Amino acid sequence: MPNCPFIAGCLFFNDKMKNMPATSGIYKRNYCQGDNTNCARFMVRQALGGEHVPEDLFPNQRERAEALLRKEDRCSC
């Protein structure tokens, strides 16, 4: 599987996030260089745009991403 198309500007992949987990290397392999469609950051950016990706959203926080997407669907902003 190819790398995520958003990898160059991703705060997580480029170690620009605070509190990077010790497991970040595993997350990078699984989400950034693996099936990026399961990445919470990818999901939000793909659906809403990069400006809507919270800086503290980790790739494994799929439930949080889904909640953000549901909230955006309810909002007519």
C-alpha atoms as a PDB file:
ATOM      1  CA  MET A   1       0.000   0.000   0.000  1.00  0.00           C
ATOM      2  CA  PRO A   2       1.382   3.468  -0.845  1.00  0.00           C
ATOM      3  CA  ASN A   3       2.097   6.129   1.735  1.00  0.00           C
ATOM      4  CA  CYS A   4      -0.699   8.460   2.804  1.00  0.00           C
ATOM      5  CA  PRO A   5      -1.104  11.336   0.328  1.00  0.00           C
ATOM      6  CA  PHE A   6      -1.094  13.811   3.244  1.00  0.00           C
ATOM      7  CA  ILE A   7       2.148  12.531   4.813  1.00  0.00           C
ATOM      8  CA  ALA A   8       4.288  15.552   3.892  1.00  0.00           C
ATOM      9  CA  GLY A   9       2.196  17.999   5.926  1.00  0.00           C
ATOM     10  CA  CYS A  10       1.063  15.661   8.694  1.00  0.00           C
ATOM     11  CA  LEU A  11       1.946  16.892  12.179  1.00  0.00           C
ATOM     12  CA  PHE A  12       1.863  13.343  13.523  1.00  0.00           C
ATOM     13  CA  PHE A  13       4.065  11.731  10.874  1.00  0.00           C
ATOM     14  CA  ASN A  14       6.597  14.544  11.056  1.00  0.00           C
ATOM     15  CA  ASP A  15       6.791  14.434  14.879  1.00  0.00           C
ATOM     16  CA  LYS A  16       5.372  17.952  15.327  1.00  0.00           C
ATOM     17  CA  MET A  17       2.677  16.961  17.840  1.00  0.00           C
ATOM     18  CA  LYS A  18       3.008  17.305  21.593  1.00  0.00           C
ATOM     19  CA  ASN A  19       2.982  14.126  23.660  1.00  0.00           C
ATOM     20  CA  MET A  20       4.011  11.756  20.890  1.00  0.00           C
ATOM     21  CA  PRO A  21       3.337   8.236  22.138  1.00  0.00           C
ATOM     22  CA  ALA A  22       6.108   5.668  22.440  1.00  0.00           C
ATOM     23  CA  THR A  23       4.116   3.621  19.935  1.00  0.00           C
ATOM     24  CA  SER A  24       4.261   6.328  17.257  1.00  0.00           C
ATOM     25  CA  GLY A  25       6.516   4.200  15.038  1.00  0.00           C
ATOM     26  CA  ILE A  26       3.920   1.436  14.993  1.00  0.00           C
ATOM     27  CA  TYR A  27       1.150   3.929  14.244  1.00  0.00           C
ATOM     28  CA  LYS A  28       3.197   5.394  11.389  1.00  0.00           C
ATOM     29  CA  ARG A  29       3.688   1.956   9.831  1.00  0.00           C
ATOM     30  CA  ASN A  30       0.043   0.974  10.280  1.00  0.00           C
ATOM     31  CA  TYR A  31      -1.674   4.208   9.333  1.00  0.00           C
ATOM     32  CA  CYS A  32       0.728   6.478   7.426  1.00  0.00           C
ATOM     33  CA  GLN A  33       2.531   3.806   5.450  1.00  0.00           C
ATOM     34  CA  GLY A  34      -0.248   1.217   5.562  1.00  0.00           C
ATOM     35  CA  ASP A  35      -4.022   1.514   5.354  1.00  0.00           C
ATOM     36  CA  ASN A  36      -4.368   5.265   5.741  1.00  0.00           C
ATOM     37  CA  THR A  37      -8.154   5.089   5.266  1.00  0.00           C
ATOM     38  CA  ASN A  38      -8.350   3.912   8.904  1.00  0.00           C
ATOM     39  CA  CYS A  39      -6.342   6.896  10.154  1.00  0.00           C
ATOM     40  CA  ALA A  40      -8.409   9.371  12.169  1.00  0.00           C
ATOM     41  CA  ARG A  41      -6.390  12.308  10.822  1.00  0.00           C
ATOM     42  CA  PHE A  42      -6.858  11.107   7.229  1.00  0.00           C
ATOM     43  CA  MET A  43     -10.606  10.650   7.736  1.00  0.00           C
ATOM     44  CA  VAL A  44     -11.133  14.197   8.988  1.00  0.00           C
ATOM     45  CA  ARG A  45      -8.844  15.793   6.420  1.00  0.00           C
ATOM     46  CA  GLN A  46     -10.388  13.844   3.552  1.00  0.00           C
ATOM     47  CA  ALA A  47     -13.942  14.771   4.573  1.00  0.00           C
ATOM     48  CA  LEU A  48     -13.560  18.297   5.955  1.00  0.00           C
ATOM     49  CA  GLY A  49     -10.165  19.627   4.921  1.00  0.00           C
ATOM     50  CA  GLY A  50      -6.864  20.045   6.714  1.00  0.00           C
ATOM     51  CA  GLU A  51      -7.961  23.057   8.732  1.00  0.00           C
ATOM     52  CA  HIS A  52     -10.474  20.847  10.578  1.00  0.00           C
ATOM     53  CA  VAL A  53      -7.943  18.270  11.800  1.00  0.00           C
ATOM     54  CA  PRO A  54      -7.349  18.881  15.520  1.00  0.00           C
ATOM     55  CA  GLU A  55      -3.658  19.237  16.313  1.00  0.00           C
ATOM     56  CA  ASP A  56      -3.944  16.648  19.070  1.00  0.00           C
ATOM     57  CA  LEU A  57      -5.783  13.990  17.025  1.00  0.00           C
ATOM     58  CA  PHE A  58      -3.820  10.743  16.856  1.00  0.00           C
ATOM     59  CA  PRO A  59      -4.211   8.250  13.980  1.00  0.00           C
ATOM     60  CA  ASN A  60      -5.760   5.606  16.219  1.00  0.00           C
ATOM     61  CA  GLN A  61      -8.559   7.904  17.468  1.00  0.00           C
ATOM     62  CA  ARG A  62     -11.098   6.750  14.900  1.00  0.00           C
ATOM     63  CA  GLU A  63     -14.061   7.152  17.285  1.00  0.00           C
ATOM     64  CA  ARG A  64     -13.097  10.768  17.933  1.00  0.00           C
ATOM     65  CA  ALA A  65     -12.803  11.398  14.190  1.00  0.00           C
ATOM     66  CA  GLU A  66     -16.222   9.855  13.587  1.00  0.00           C
ATOM     67  CA  ALA A  67     -17.688  12.093  16.308  1.00  0.00           C
ATOM     68  CA  LEU A  68     -16.138  15.148  14.618  1.00  0.00           C
ATOM     69  CA  LEU A  69     -17.628  14.096  11.293  1.00  0.00           C
ATOM     70  CA  ARG A  70     -21.075  13.541  12.840  1.00  0.00           C
ATOM     71  CA  LYS A  71     -20.897  16.957  14.500  1.00  0.00           C
ATOM     72  CA  GLU A  72     -20.014  18.587  11.169  1.00  0.00           C
ATOM     73  CA  ASP A  73     -22.928  16.795   9.480  1.00  0.00           C
ATOM     74  CA  ARG A  74     -25.329  18.259  12.073  1.00  0.00           C
ATOM     75  CA  CYS A  75     -23.849  21.732  11.748  1.00  0.00           C
ATOM     76  CA  SER A  76     -24.927  23.875   8.842  1.00  0.00           C
ATOM     77  CA  CYS A  77     -21.989  26.251   9.315  1.00  0.00           C
END
